[in-house]
């Protein structure tokens, strides 16, 4: 009756989504910060906070419900991994483009 996606698919989809979203937005944020003369440290901190907010719904589901906790854990792991990879690699790309 209830066909569910396997955990690895949830994890992969969440990781790729977070990687693309945060990678592109981080480079665009560095470009805007460079043009306006903002500190890159402010951009880094704001994207770390945004990544935390992005993962917060799954963390809330994981802590409050037992029924959906299995899927929420897989999605939280994927989102956290994707955000971490994107926020690690995007400054390298921004530096190579000359924005940092």
C-alpha atoms as a PDB file:
ATOM      1  CA  UNK A   1       0.000   0.000   0.000  1.00  0.00           C
ATOM      2  CA  UNK A   2       2.451   2.627   1.132  1.00  0.00           C
ATOM      3  CA  UNK A   3       5.309   2.759  -1.326  1.00  0.00           C
ATOM      4  CA  UNK A   4       8.122   4.815   0.110  1.00  0.00           C
ATOM      5  CA  UNK A   5      11.351   5.971  -1.418  1.00  0.00           C
ATOM      6  CA  UNK A   6      14.437   4.253  -0.039  1.00  0.00           C
ATOM      7  CA  UNK A   7      16.548   6.289   2.351  1.00  0.00           C
ATOM      8  CA  UNK A   8      19.478   6.575  -0.002  1.00  0.00           C
ATOM      9  CA  UNK A   9      17.275   8.235  -2.643  1.00  0.00           C
ATOM     10  CA  UNK A  10      15.939  10.747  -0.123  1.00  0.00           C
ATOM     11  CA  UNK A  11      19.469  11.449   1.042  1.00  0.00           C
ATOM     12  CA  UNK A  12      20.790  11.897  -2.507  1.00  0.00           C
ATOM     13  CA  UNK A  13      17.938  14.152  -3.618  1.00  0.00           C
ATOM     14  CA  UNK A  14      18.282  16.384  -0.564  1.00  0.00           C
ATOM     15  CA  UNK A  15      22.068  16.546  -0.940  1.00  0.00           C
ATOM     16  CA  UNK A  16      21.954  17.492  -4.618  1.00  0.00           C
ATOM     17  CA  UNK A  17      19.259  20.101  -4.005  1.00  0.00           C
ATOM     18  CA  UNK A  18      21.190  21.727  -1.172  1.00  0.00           C
ATOM     19  CA  UNK A  19      24.458  21.518  -3.085  1.00  0.00           C
ATOM     20  CA  UNK A  20      23.061  23.297  -6.137  1.00  0.00           C
ATOM     21  CA  UNK A  21      21.055  25.869  -4.210  1.00  0.00           C
ATOM     22  CA  UNK A  22      23.717  26.858  -1.711  1.00  0.00           C
ATOM     23  CA  UNK A  23      26.596  26.580  -4.171  1.00  0.00           C
ATOM     24  CA  UNK A  24      25.015  28.943  -6.691  1.00  0.00           C
ATOM     25  CA  UNK A  25      23.651  31.327  -4.079  1.00  0.00           C
ATOM     26  CA  UNK A  26      27.008  31.477  -2.253  1.00  0.00           C
ATOM     27  CA  UNK A  27      28.846  32.498  -5.431  1.00  0.00           C
ATOM     28  CA  UNK A  28      26.154  35.081  -6.223  1.00  0.00           C
ATOM     29  CA  UNK A  29      26.387  36.334  -2.617  1.00  0.00           C
ATOM     30  CA  UNK A  30      30.160  36.710  -2.927  1.00  0.00           C
ATOM     31  CA  UNK A  31      29.717  38.611  -6.171  1.00  0.00           C
ATOM     32  CA  UNK A  32      27.194  41.011  -4.613  1.00  0.00           C
ATOM     33  CA  UNK A  33      29.378  41.464  -1.530  1.00  0.00           C
ATOM     34  CA  UNK A  34      32.388  42.274  -3.723  1.00  0.00           C
ATOM     35  CA  UNK A  35      30.430  44.857  -5.709  1.00  0.00           C
ATOM     36  CA  UNK A  36      29.048  46.555  -2.602  1.00  0.00           C
ATOM     37  CA  UNK A  37      32.216  46.368  -0.529  1.00  0.00           C
ATOM     38  CA  UNK A  38      30.793  44.095   2.173  1.00  0.00           C
ATOM     39  CA  UNK A  39      32.940  41.851   4.310  1.00  0.00           C
ATOM     40  CA  UNK A  40      33.086  38.270   3.052  1.00  0.00           C
ATOM     41  CA  UNK A  41      32.872  37.141   6.676  1.00  0.00           C
ATOM     42  CA  UNK A  42      29.334  38.550   6.837  1.00  0.00           C
ATOM     43  CA  UNK A  43      28.389  36.559   3.754  1.00  0.00           C
ATOM     44  CA  UNK A  44      29.846  33.370   5.231  1.00  0.00           C
ATOM     45  CA  UNK A  45      27.984  33.780   8.503  1.00  0.00           C
ATOM     46  CA  UNK A  46      24.704  34.578   6.793  1.00  0.00           C
ATOM     47  CA  UNK A  47      24.952  31.462   4.617  1.00  0.00           C
ATOM     48  CA  UNK A  48      25.782  29.290   7.629  1.00  0.00           C
ATOM     49  CA  UNK A  49      22.660  30.630   9.318  1.00  0.00           C
ATOM     50  CA  UNK A  50      20.635  30.071   6.129  1.00  0.00           C
ATOM     51  CA  UNK A  51      21.886  26.466   5.968  1.00  0.00           C
ATOM     52  CA  UNK A  52      20.788  25.933   9.555  1.00  0.00           C
ATOM     53  CA  UNK A  53      17.342  27.337   8.747  1.00  0.00           C
ATOM     54  CA  UNK A  54      17.193  25.128   5.644  1.00  0.00           C
ATOM     55  CA  UNK A  55      17.764  22.007   7.765  1.00  0.00           C
ATOM     56  CA  UNK A  56      15.536  23.085  10.657  1.00  0.00           C
ATOM     57  CA  UNK A  57      12.206  21.531   9.463  1.00  0.00           C
ATOM     58  CA  UNK A  58      13.709  18.037   9.275  1.00  0.00           C
ATOM     59  CA  UNK A  59      15.432  18.513  12.612  1.00  0.00           C
ATOM     60  CA  UNK A  60      12.089  19.548  14.125  1.00  0.00           C
ATOM     61  CA  UNK A  61      10.373  16.488  12.580  1.00  0.00           C
ATOM     62  CA  UNK A  62      13.119  14.249  13.871  1.00  0.00           C
ATOM     63  CA  UNK A  63      12.797  15.577  17.415  1.00  0.00           C
ATOM     64  CA  UNK A  64       9.001  15.693  17.616  1.00  0.00           C
ATOM     65  CA  UNK A  65       7.624  12.689  15.722  1.00  0.00           C
ATOM     66  CA  UNK A  66       8.463   9.047  15.883  1.00  0.00           C
ATOM     67  CA  UNK A  67       6.449   7.949  12.855  1.00  0.00           C
ATOM     68  CA  UNK A  68       8.215  10.077  10.243  1.00  0.00           C
ATOM     69  CA  UNK A  69      11.569  10.136  11.982  1.00  0.00           C
ATOM     70  CA  UNK A  70      13.168   7.605   9.649  1.00  0.00           C
ATOM     71  CA  UNK A  71      12.545   9.656   6.508  1.00  0.00           C
ATOM     72  CA  UNK A  72      13.318  12.907   8.290  1.00  0.00           C
ATOM     73  CA  UNK A  73      16.700  11.571   9.385  1.00  0.00           C
ATOM     74  CA  UNK A  74      17.664  10.591   5.836  1.00  0.00           C
ATOM     75  CA  UNK A  75      16.560  13.948   4.471  1.00  0.00           C
ATOM     76  CA  UNK A  76      18.354  15.832   7.252  1.00  0.00           C
ATOM     77  CA  UNK A  77      21.567  13.917   6.550  1.00  0.00           C
ATOM     78  CA  UNK A  78      21.315  14.721   2.846  1.00  0.00           C
ATOM     79  CA  UNK A  79      20.602  18.395   3.382  1.00  0.00           C
ATOM     80  CA  UNK A  80      23.406  18.761   5.907  1.00  0.00           C
ATOM     81  CA  UNK A  81      25.891  17.010   3.619  1.00  0.00           C
ATOM     82  CA  UNK A  82      24.863  19.082   0.601  1.00  0.00           C
ATOM     83  CA  UNK A  83      25.086  22.351   2.536  1.00  0.00           C
ATOM     84  CA  UNK A  84      28.485  21.416   3.960  1.00  0.00           C
ATOM     85  CA  UNK A  85      29.927  20.516   0.553  1.00  0.00           C
ATOM     86  CA  UNK A  86      28.486  23.627  -1.086  1.00  0.00           C
ATOM     87  CA  UNK A  87      29.662  25.997   1.630  1.00  0.00           C
ATOM     88  CA  UNK A  88      33.117  24.426   1.491  1.00  0.00           C
ATOM     89  CA  UNK A  89      33.546  24.453  -2.295  1.00  0.00           C
ATOM     90  CA  UNK A  90      31.756  27.685  -3.240  1.00  0.00           C
ATOM     91  CA  UNK A  91      34.397  29.982  -1.644  1.00  0.00           C
ATOM     92  CA  UNK A  92      37.048  28.210  -3.718  1.00  0.00           C
ATOM     93  CA  UNK A  93      35.098  28.924  -6.886  1.00  0.00           C
ATOM     94  CA  UNK A  94      34.403  32.496  -5.766  1.00  0.00           C
ATOM     95  CA  UNK A  95      38.113  33.016  -5.168  1.00  0.00           C
ATOM     96  CA  UNK A  96      38.979  31.617  -8.588  1.00  0.00           C
ATOM     97  CA  UNK A  97      36.453  34.012 -10.149  1.00  0.00           C
ATOM     98  CA  UNK A  98      38.033  36.921  -8.248  1.00  0.00           C
ATOM     99  CA  UNK A  99      35.189  37.785  -5.886  1.00  0.00           C
ATOM    100  CA  UNK A 100      36.903  36.809  -2.638  1.00  0.00           C
END
